[in-house]
Protein backbone atom coordinates (compact mmCIF):
# COMPACT_ATOMS: atom_id res chain seq x y z
CA MET A 1 18.91 39.80 -40.12
CA THR A 2 18.95 36.00 -40.14
CA GLU A 3 20.02 34.46 -36.83
CA LYS A 4 23.11 32.23 -37.10
CA LEU A 5 22.95 29.20 -34.82
CA PRO A 6 25.85 26.91 -33.88
CA THR A 7 26.10 23.64 -35.79
CA GLY A 8 23.80 21.10 -34.16
CA MET A 9 21.41 23.70 -32.71
CA ALA A 10 17.96 24.38 -34.12
CA ARG A 11 14.72 26.10 -33.21
CA MET A 12 11.79 23.70 -33.09
CA GLY A 13 8.12 23.68 -32.18
CA PRO A 14 5.49 26.43 -32.27
CA TYR A 15 7.38 28.52 -29.68
CA SER A 16 10.78 28.29 -31.43
CA ILE A 17 12.45 26.61 -28.45
CA LEU A 18 16.14 25.92 -29.04
CA HIS A 19 17.16 22.25 -29.31
CA LEU A 20 20.26 20.16 -29.71
CA ARG A 21 19.79 18.29 -33.00
CA ARG A 22 22.55 15.88 -33.96
CA ARG A 23 22.54 13.25 -36.69
CA ILE A 24 23.31 9.82 -35.20
CA PRO A 25 26.15 7.93 -36.94
CA LYS A 26 24.63 5.17 -39.10
CA PRO A 27 26.31 2.25 -37.25
CA LEU A 28 24.82 3.48 -33.97
CA ILE A 29 21.24 4.13 -35.13
CA PRO A 30 19.97 0.67 -34.03
CA ALA A 31 21.66 1.14 -30.66
CA PHE A 32 19.96 4.50 -29.99
CA GLY A 33 16.61 3.23 -31.27
CA ILE A 34 15.16 6.74 -31.78
CA GLY A 35 15.57 7.32 -35.52
CA GLU A 36 18.29 9.21 -37.39
CA PHE A 37 18.44 12.31 -35.18
CA TYR A 38 19.19 12.81 -31.49
CA LYS A 39 17.14 15.75 -30.15
CA VAL A 40 17.16 17.37 -26.71
CA SER A 41 15.23 20.51 -25.72
CA LEU A 42 17.38 23.29 -24.25
CA GLU A 43 14.20 24.76 -22.71
CA THR A 44 14.85 28.36 -23.72
CA ARG A 45 14.48 30.72 -26.67
CA ASP A 46 17.40 32.90 -25.64
CA LEU A 47 20.56 32.04 -27.62
CA SER A 48 23.03 33.27 -25.01
CA GLU A 49 21.34 31.19 -22.31
CA ALA A 50 21.14 28.17 -24.59
CA ARG A 51 24.89 28.07 -25.38
CA SER A 52 25.92 26.64 -21.99
CA ARG A 53 23.08 24.10 -22.04
CA PHE A 54 23.99 23.18 -25.60
CA ALA A 55 27.57 22.39 -24.56
CA ILE A 56 26.34 20.07 -21.79
CA ALA A 57 23.79 18.28 -24.00
CA ASN A 58 26.33 17.94 -26.80
CA GLY A 59 28.84 16.42 -24.37
CA GLU A 60 26.26 13.89 -23.18
CA PHE A 61 25.58 12.89 -26.78
CA GLU A 62 29.27 12.32 -27.44
CA ILE A 63 29.60 10.23 -24.26
CA LYS A 64 26.68 8.03 -25.35
CA CYS A 65 28.17 7.55 -28.79
CA LYS A 66 31.51 6.58 -27.24
CA ALA A 67 29.84 4.07 -24.89
CA PHE A 68 27.97 2.44 -27.77
CA ARG A 69 31.10 2.24 -29.88
CA GLU A 70 33.09 0.65 -27.05
CA ALA A 71 30.33 -1.86 -26.28
CA LEU A 72 29.82 -2.88 -29.91
CA ALA A 73 33.39 -2.69 -31.18
CA ASN A 74 34.24 -6.25 -30.14
CA ALA A 75 32.14 -7.95 -32.83
CA GLY A 76 30.29 -5.47 -34.94
CA GLN A 77 26.96 -4.29 -33.56
CA SER A 78 25.51 -7.31 -31.79
CA SER A 79 27.78 -8.88 -29.18
CA LEU A 80 29.81 -8.40 -26.00
CA SER A 81 32.67 -10.51 -24.75
CA PRO A 82 32.25 -12.12 -21.28
CA ASP A 83 35.00 -9.87 -19.89
CA GLU A 84 33.38 -6.78 -21.39
CA ALA A 85 29.96 -7.71 -19.99
CA GLU A 86 31.49 -8.40 -16.58
CA GLY A 87 33.24 -5.03 -16.58
CA LEU A 88 30.05 -3.14 -17.49
CA VAL A 89 27.91 -4.90 -14.87
CA THR A 90 30.53 -4.55 -12.14
CA ARG A 91 30.86 -0.85 -12.88
CA LEU A 92 27.09 -0.43 -12.52
CA LEU A 93 26.51 -2.52 -9.40
CA ARG A 94 29.61 -1.37 -7.50
CA HIS A 95 29.49 2.28 -8.50
CA ARG A 96 29.79 4.96 -5.82
CA SER A 97 28.81 8.58 -6.26
CA ASP A 98 31.10 11.51 -5.44
CA THR A 99 29.54 11.72 -1.97
CA GLY A 100 30.45 8.10 -1.22
CA LEU A 101 26.85 6.88 -1.47
CA ALA A 102 26.77 3.30 -2.72
CA SER A 103 24.28 4.05 -5.48
CA GLY A 104 25.26 0.80 -7.17
CA GLY A 105 24.36 -1.03 -3.97
CA VAL A 106 20.90 0.51 -4.05
CA GLN A 107 20.51 -0.67 -7.64
CA ALA A 108 21.65 -4.19 -6.70
CA ALA A 109 19.27 -4.28 -3.73
CA PHE A 110 16.28 -3.43 -5.91
CA LEU A 111 17.33 -6.02 -8.52
CA LEU A 112 17.56 -8.71 -5.84
CA ARG A 113 14.18 -7.74 -4.37
CA ASP A 114 12.49 -7.90 -7.79
CA LEU A 115 14.09 -11.28 -8.53
CA ASP A 116 12.82 -12.60 -5.19
CA ASP A 117 9.30 -11.56 -6.18
CA LEU A 118 9.63 -13.30 -9.56
CA VAL A 119 10.76 -16.53 -7.89
CA SER A 120 7.83 -16.34 -5.46
CA GLU A 121 5.36 -15.92 -8.34
CA LEU A 122 6.97 -18.78 -10.26
CA GLN A 123 6.61 -21.09 -7.27
CA GLY A 124 2.97 -20.07 -6.75
CA GLU A 125 3.47 -18.34 -3.43
CA ARG A 126 1.16 -15.50 -2.42
CA ARG A 127 -0.05 -13.64 0.61
CA PRO A 128 -3.26 -14.79 2.30
CA THR A 129 -6.54 -12.99 1.62
CA ALA A 130 -9.88 -12.80 3.39
CA GLN A 131 -11.26 -15.36 0.91
CA ASP A 132 -8.87 -17.99 2.32
CA MET A 133 -10.38 -17.90 5.82
CA SER A 134 -13.62 -17.68 7.72
CA PRO A 135 -14.54 -14.20 9.09
CA ASP A 136 -13.44 -15.19 12.60
CA GLU A 137 -10.13 -16.55 11.34
CA TRP A 138 -9.50 -13.45 9.22
CA ARG A 139 -10.06 -11.21 12.26
CA GLU A 140 -7.73 -13.39 14.30
CA TYR A 141 -5.18 -13.31 11.47
CA LEU A 142 -5.18 -9.50 11.41
CA ILE A 143 -4.61 -9.42 15.16
CA ARG A 144 -1.75 -11.93 14.93
CA ILE A 145 0.17 -10.18 12.15
CA GLY A 146 -0.21 -6.89 14.04
CA GLY A 147 1.67 -8.40 16.97
CA GLY A 148 -1.28 -8.88 19.29
CA GLU A 149 -1.75 -11.73 21.70
CA ASP A 150 -5.13 -13.41 21.77
CA ASP A 151 -6.65 -16.68 22.92
CA GLY A 152 -8.35 -17.32 19.57
CA GLU A 153 -7.54 -20.47 17.63
CA LEU A 154 -6.47 -20.63 13.99
CA ALA A 155 -6.74 -23.59 11.64
CA PRO A 156 -3.48 -25.47 10.89
CA ASP A 157 -3.46 -24.23 7.27
CA THR A 158 -3.78 -20.64 8.47
CA LEU A 159 -0.92 -21.08 10.92
CA THR A 160 1.21 -22.42 8.06
CA ILE A 161 0.42 -19.34 5.97
CA LEU A 162 1.35 -17.06 8.87
CA GLN A 163 4.63 -18.89 9.46
CA GLU A 164 5.58 -18.68 5.77
CA LYS A 165 4.78 -14.96 5.68
CA HIS A 166 6.89 -14.38 8.79
CA GLU A 167 9.82 -16.22 7.20
CA GLN A 168 9.44 -14.18 3.98
CA ASP A 169 9.57 -10.93 5.93
CA GLN A 170 12.76 -11.98 7.76
CA ARG A 171 14.74 -12.95 4.64
CA SER A 172 17.41 -10.71 3.17
CA TRP A 173 16.74 -9.49 -0.35
CA GLY A 174 18.16 -11.96 -2.87
CA GLU A 175 18.15 -14.98 -0.58
CA ARG A 176 15.24 -16.62 -2.41
CA TRP A 177 16.72 -15.83 -5.84
CA LEU A 178 20.17 -17.21 -5.03
CA ALA A 179 18.71 -20.42 -3.59
CA PHE A 180 16.61 -20.86 -6.74
CA GLN A 181 19.58 -20.16 -9.02
CA ARG A 182 21.74 -22.77 -7.28
CA ARG A 183 18.97 -25.38 -7.35
CA VAL A 184 17.87 -25.26 -11.00
CA PRO A 185 19.71 -25.30 -14.36
CA ARG A 186 20.47 -22.11 -16.29
CA ARG A 187 17.59 -22.62 -18.74
CA ARG A 188 15.17 -22.19 -15.81
CA TRP A 189 16.61 -19.13 -14.08
CA ARG A 190 17.71 -17.29 -17.24
CA PRO A 191 14.14 -16.18 -18.27
CA LEU A 192 13.69 -14.44 -14.91
CA LEU A 193 16.54 -12.07 -15.79
CA ARG A 194 14.83 -10.72 -18.92
CA GLN A 195 13.56 -7.51 -17.33
CA THR A 196 16.73 -7.15 -15.26
CA ILE A 197 18.85 -7.31 -18.42
CA GLU A 198 16.76 -4.60 -20.07
CA ASP A 199 17.10 -2.41 -16.96
CA VAL A 200 20.88 -2.88 -16.92
CA LYS A 201 21.12 -2.13 -20.66
CA ARG A 202 19.13 1.06 -20.14
CA HIS A 203 21.43 2.18 -17.31
CA LEU A 204 24.49 1.39 -19.44
CA ASP A 205 23.05 3.07 -22.56
CA LEU A 206 23.18 -0.21 -24.49
CA PRO A 207 20.74 -1.01 -27.31
CA ALA A 208 17.27 -2.07 -26.21
CA GLY A 209 15.48 -5.14 -27.49
CA GLU A 210 16.48 -8.78 -27.90
CA MET A 211 20.13 -9.12 -28.90
CA PRO A 212 21.51 -12.56 -27.89
CA GLY A 213 25.11 -11.50 -28.43
CA ILE A 214 24.65 -8.81 -25.76
CA ASP A 215 21.91 -10.35 -23.59
CA GLU A 216 23.52 -13.72 -22.85
CA PRO A 217 26.92 -12.38 -21.69
CA LEU A 218 25.06 -9.79 -19.60
CA ALA A 219 22.85 -12.50 -18.04
CA ASP A 220 25.89 -14.49 -16.93
CA ALA A 221 27.66 -11.35 -15.70
CA ILE A 222 24.59 -10.19 -13.74
CA ALA A 223 24.07 -13.60 -12.14
CA GLN A 224 27.74 -13.80 -11.19
CA ALA A 225 27.81 -10.24 -9.80
CA LEU A 226 24.61 -10.62 -7.73
CA ALA A 227 26.05 -13.76 -6.13
CA SER A 228 29.34 -12.08 -5.17
CA ASP A 229 29.98 -11.11 -1.55
CA ALA A 230 31.00 -7.58 -2.51
CA VAL A 231 27.76 -6.74 -4.34
CA ARG A 232 25.56 -8.50 -1.78
CA GLY A 233 27.31 -6.59 1.00
CA GLN A 234 26.52 -3.28 -0.67
CA ALA A 235 22.92 -4.40 -1.31
CA ALA A 236 22.49 -5.37 2.35
CA MET A 237 23.56 -1.87 3.40
CA ALA A 238 20.93 -0.38 1.08
CA GLN A 239 18.13 -2.68 2.27
CA PRO A 240 15.80 -0.96 4.77
CA GLU A 241 16.01 -2.09 8.37
CA PRO A 242 12.99 -4.21 9.37
CA ARG A 243 10.59 -2.10 11.37
CA ARG A 244 10.05 -2.88 15.02
CA ALA A 245 7.41 -5.41 15.92
CA ARG A 246 4.06 -3.66 15.81
CA ARG A 247 1.39 -4.47 18.35
CA THR A 248 -2.21 -4.13 17.35
CA ARG A 249 -4.46 -1.61 19.08
CA LEU A 250 -7.51 -3.79 18.50
CA ARG A 251 -9.24 -4.87 21.71
CA PRO A 252 -11.20 -8.01 20.86
CA LYS A 253 -12.33 -8.55 24.47
CA MET A 254 -13.45 -4.98 25.27
CA LYS A 255 -17.14 -4.70 26.16
CA LEU A 256 -19.47 -1.71 26.33
CA ASP A 257 -18.98 -1.02 30.04
CA GLU A 258 -15.20 -0.81 29.59
CA LEU A 259 -15.66 1.33 26.48
CA LEU A 260 -18.02 3.65 28.37
CA ALA A 261 -15.43 4.18 31.11
CA ALA A 262 -12.71 4.86 28.54
CA TRP A 263 -14.99 7.28 26.65
CA ILE A 264 -15.68 9.24 29.84
CA THR A 265 -11.94 9.44 30.57
CA LEU A 266 -11.00 10.52 27.04
CA GLN A 267 -13.90 12.81 26.09
CA LYS A 268 -14.81 14.21 29.53
CA PRO A 269 -18.51 14.67 28.59
CA LYS A 270 -21.06 16.63 30.61
CA PRO A 271 -23.02 14.83 33.36
CA LYS A 272 -26.19 14.78 31.22
CA SER A 273 -24.31 13.08 28.38
CA VAL A 274 -22.83 10.55 30.79
CA ALA A 275 -26.28 9.72 32.18
CA ALA A 276 -27.69 9.27 28.66
CA ALA A 277 -24.77 7.07 27.66
CA GLU A 278 -25.10 4.90 30.78
CA LYS A 279 -28.81 4.32 30.11
CA ALA A 280 -28.16 3.66 26.40
CA VAL A 281 -25.47 1.08 27.25
CA ARG A 282 -27.76 -0.61 29.77
CA ASP A 283 -30.63 -0.83 27.27
CA PHE A 284 -28.36 -1.87 24.38
CA LYS A 285 -26.86 -4.72 26.44
CA SER A 286 -30.33 -5.84 27.47
CA TYR A 287 -31.66 -5.90 23.91
CA ILE A 288 -28.61 -6.96 21.84
CA GLY A 289 -26.54 -8.74 24.50
CA ASP A 290 -23.33 -8.00 26.39
CA VAL A 291 -21.10 -8.84 23.43
CA PRO A 292 -17.55 -7.58 22.75
CA VAL A 293 -17.57 -4.18 21.04
CA ILE A 294 -15.63 -5.59 18.07
CA GLU A 295 -18.58 -7.93 17.34
CA ILE A 296 -21.21 -5.17 17.24
CA GLY A 297 -22.36 -4.63 13.67
CA SER A 298 -24.41 -2.02 11.85
CA THR A 299 -27.43 -4.36 11.93
CA ASP A 300 -27.33 -4.28 15.73
CA CYS A 301 -27.42 -0.47 15.62
CA PHE A 302 -30.39 -0.49 13.24
CA ASP A 303 -32.23 -3.00 15.44
CA PHE A 304 -31.58 -0.91 18.54
CA ARG A 305 -32.85 2.21 16.78
CA ASP A 306 -36.07 0.42 15.75
CA ALA A 307 -36.54 -0.94 19.27
CA LEU A 308 -36.10 2.52 20.80
CA SER A 309 -38.70 4.06 18.49
CA VAL A 310 -41.54 1.79 19.72
CA MET A 311 -40.96 2.32 23.46
CA PRO A 312 -43.76 4.11 25.35
CA LYS A 313 -43.52 7.74 26.30
CA SER A 314 -44.55 6.82 29.84
CA MET A 315 -45.32 3.59 31.69
CA PRO A 316 -46.67 2.43 35.05
CA ARG A 317 -44.21 2.60 37.94
CA ALA A 318 -44.42 -1.18 38.39
CA LEU A 319 -42.94 -1.75 34.92
CA ARG A 320 -40.00 0.63 35.23
CA ALA A 321 -37.77 -1.94 36.92
CA MET A 322 -38.13 -4.34 33.99
CA SER A 323 -35.34 -4.79 31.47
CA PHE A 324 -35.40 -3.03 28.12
CA ARG A 325 -35.86 -6.38 26.33
CA ASP A 326 -38.95 -7.26 28.40
CA LEU A 327 -40.45 -3.79 27.96
CA HIS A 328 -39.93 -4.02 24.21
CA ALA A 329 -41.68 -7.40 24.15
CA ILE A 330 -44.67 -5.86 25.94
CA TYR A 331 -45.03 -2.62 23.96
CA ALA A 332 -43.74 -3.42 20.45
CA ALA A 333 -47.01 -4.90 19.19
CA ARG A 334 -49.41 -2.76 21.23
CA THR A 335 -51.56 -0.20 19.47
CA GLY A 336 -52.79 3.10 20.80
CA VAL A 337 -49.64 3.60 22.86
CA ALA A 338 -48.00 7.03 23.07
CA ARG A 339 -44.46 6.39 21.79
CA VAL A 340 -41.29 8.24 22.74
CA ASP A 341 -40.57 11.27 20.59
CA PRO A 342 -37.84 11.08 17.87
CA ALA A 343 -35.52 13.34 19.85
CA THR A 344 -35.36 10.74 22.64
CA THR A 345 -34.59 7.99 20.14
CA LYS A 346 -31.87 10.16 18.65
CA LYS A 347 -30.37 10.90 22.08
CA TYR A 348 -29.87 7.27 23.10
CA LEU A 349 -28.87 6.07 19.63
CA GLY A 350 -26.42 8.96 19.46
CA ALA A 351 -24.85 7.84 22.74
CA ILE A 352 -24.10 4.39 21.28
CA GLN A 353 -22.79 5.99 18.11
CA ALA A 354 -20.48 8.24 20.12
CA LEU A 355 -19.03 5.24 21.98
CA LEU A 356 -18.45 3.22 18.80
CA SER A 357 -16.94 6.21 17.02
CA CYS A 358 -14.55 6.71 19.94
CA ALA A 359 -13.53 3.03 19.76
CA PHE A 360 -12.86 3.35 16.04
CA GLN A 361 -10.86 6.57 16.42
CA GLU A 362 -8.68 4.87 19.04
CA GLN A 363 -8.32 1.84 16.67
CA TRP A 364 -9.88 -0.51 19.21
CA ILE A 365 -12.25 -1.81 16.51
CA PRO A 366 -11.44 -2.23 12.79
CA ALA A 367 -14.42 -0.27 11.40
CA ASN A 368 -16.94 2.35 12.47
CA VAL A 369 -20.27 0.54 12.18
CA ALA A 370 -22.22 3.32 13.87
CA GLY A 371 -22.20 5.80 11.00
CA ASN A 372 -25.22 4.51 9.07
CA PRO A 373 -28.26 4.22 11.36
CA SER A 374 -28.40 7.92 12.12
CA LEU A 375 -31.48 10.09 12.18
CA ALA A 376 -30.96 12.93 9.75
CA LYS A 377 -32.66 16.27 10.39
CA ALA A 378 -35.29 15.73 7.68
CA GLU A 379 -36.07 12.28 9.08
CA ILE A 380 -36.44 13.68 12.61
CA VAL A 381 -38.85 16.36 11.34
CA ALA A 382 -40.93 13.76 9.48
CA LEU A 383 -41.04 11.43 12.47
CA TYR A 384 -41.89 14.31 14.77
CA ARG A 385 -44.81 15.42 12.57
CA ALA A 386 -46.13 11.85 12.46
CA TRP A 387 -45.76 11.60 16.23
CA LYS A 388 -47.61 14.91 16.74
CA LYS A 389 -50.46 13.72 14.51
CA MET A 390 -50.80 10.53 16.59
CA HIS A 391 -50.84 12.49 19.84
């Protein structure tokens, strides 16, 4: 027995899913912009289940047709009167949902934010990048925008960039756009509304594409509405509150001794680990220098590893009081010296790595530079075999 479907319903696709399929009235075809038929999947094959969904989809189609007819009735298919455009825009931007949420205010807030961005791009404004500054200035810049206080100096141009960024962050959405609109003639601000007009037309179910009879009245209505106190008040309520001032956790003045004390407090290592870390810090400072932790780079870690690997396994008692740097100068070029085993190198290098990793995890330094110069198991085995052959 052949199944009888309601008028406007059809099965489509390989799985015979039921769809709403309505022919669009000829005068409204350009407005819909989807061809001659309006199709919506009812997402079921069951006819009884599809009937309620069909009624809803059919009602939505009729509402869209009515909206297009009302919008285009004034002068055929291609124009809106100023009053009609104003009414449509006001309805969109001042709409409230059943729960009282100012959904139109949210829409207006996003429109104003996007227009601010367009004005900034037009005027050639942008945020600073690392390429604009020296490495020291970029580090200082990151500390400043994070809310930290530091004694470092920034160039005048960099300070200007920071001040402009601070002012941008403090502005209300739409402030830049409204100032630009008041300052320049319509022919200059009108092109910035192109995307906004298309967004509004989509929300109002108006025809897409360039239609001067619709676009120009909408442009004037949008500009007028966004400048009104009522719409801006709703948009201000929808704009997120500025977050509290954030202070950076970076510690540009922290040195290894301070980091060692903090590591002991946080990690509570065993006495043997503490002793190894204290000796590693003492030797690292002697060889590399007592520099701030934030200035230690991966090259320093590689150099320290290489210096450790050439130290003697044992030395005369008279030399033990010498600094690591002086001992390295004595033994680095000597031949026939029994060197420390790889496990010892790994122990002291690992102590420095543990300290730097702790600093990175606590966000006291911007990057973990200690991850690379490690001694993998295969490398330790190879070094150990070479060491055994020499001894």
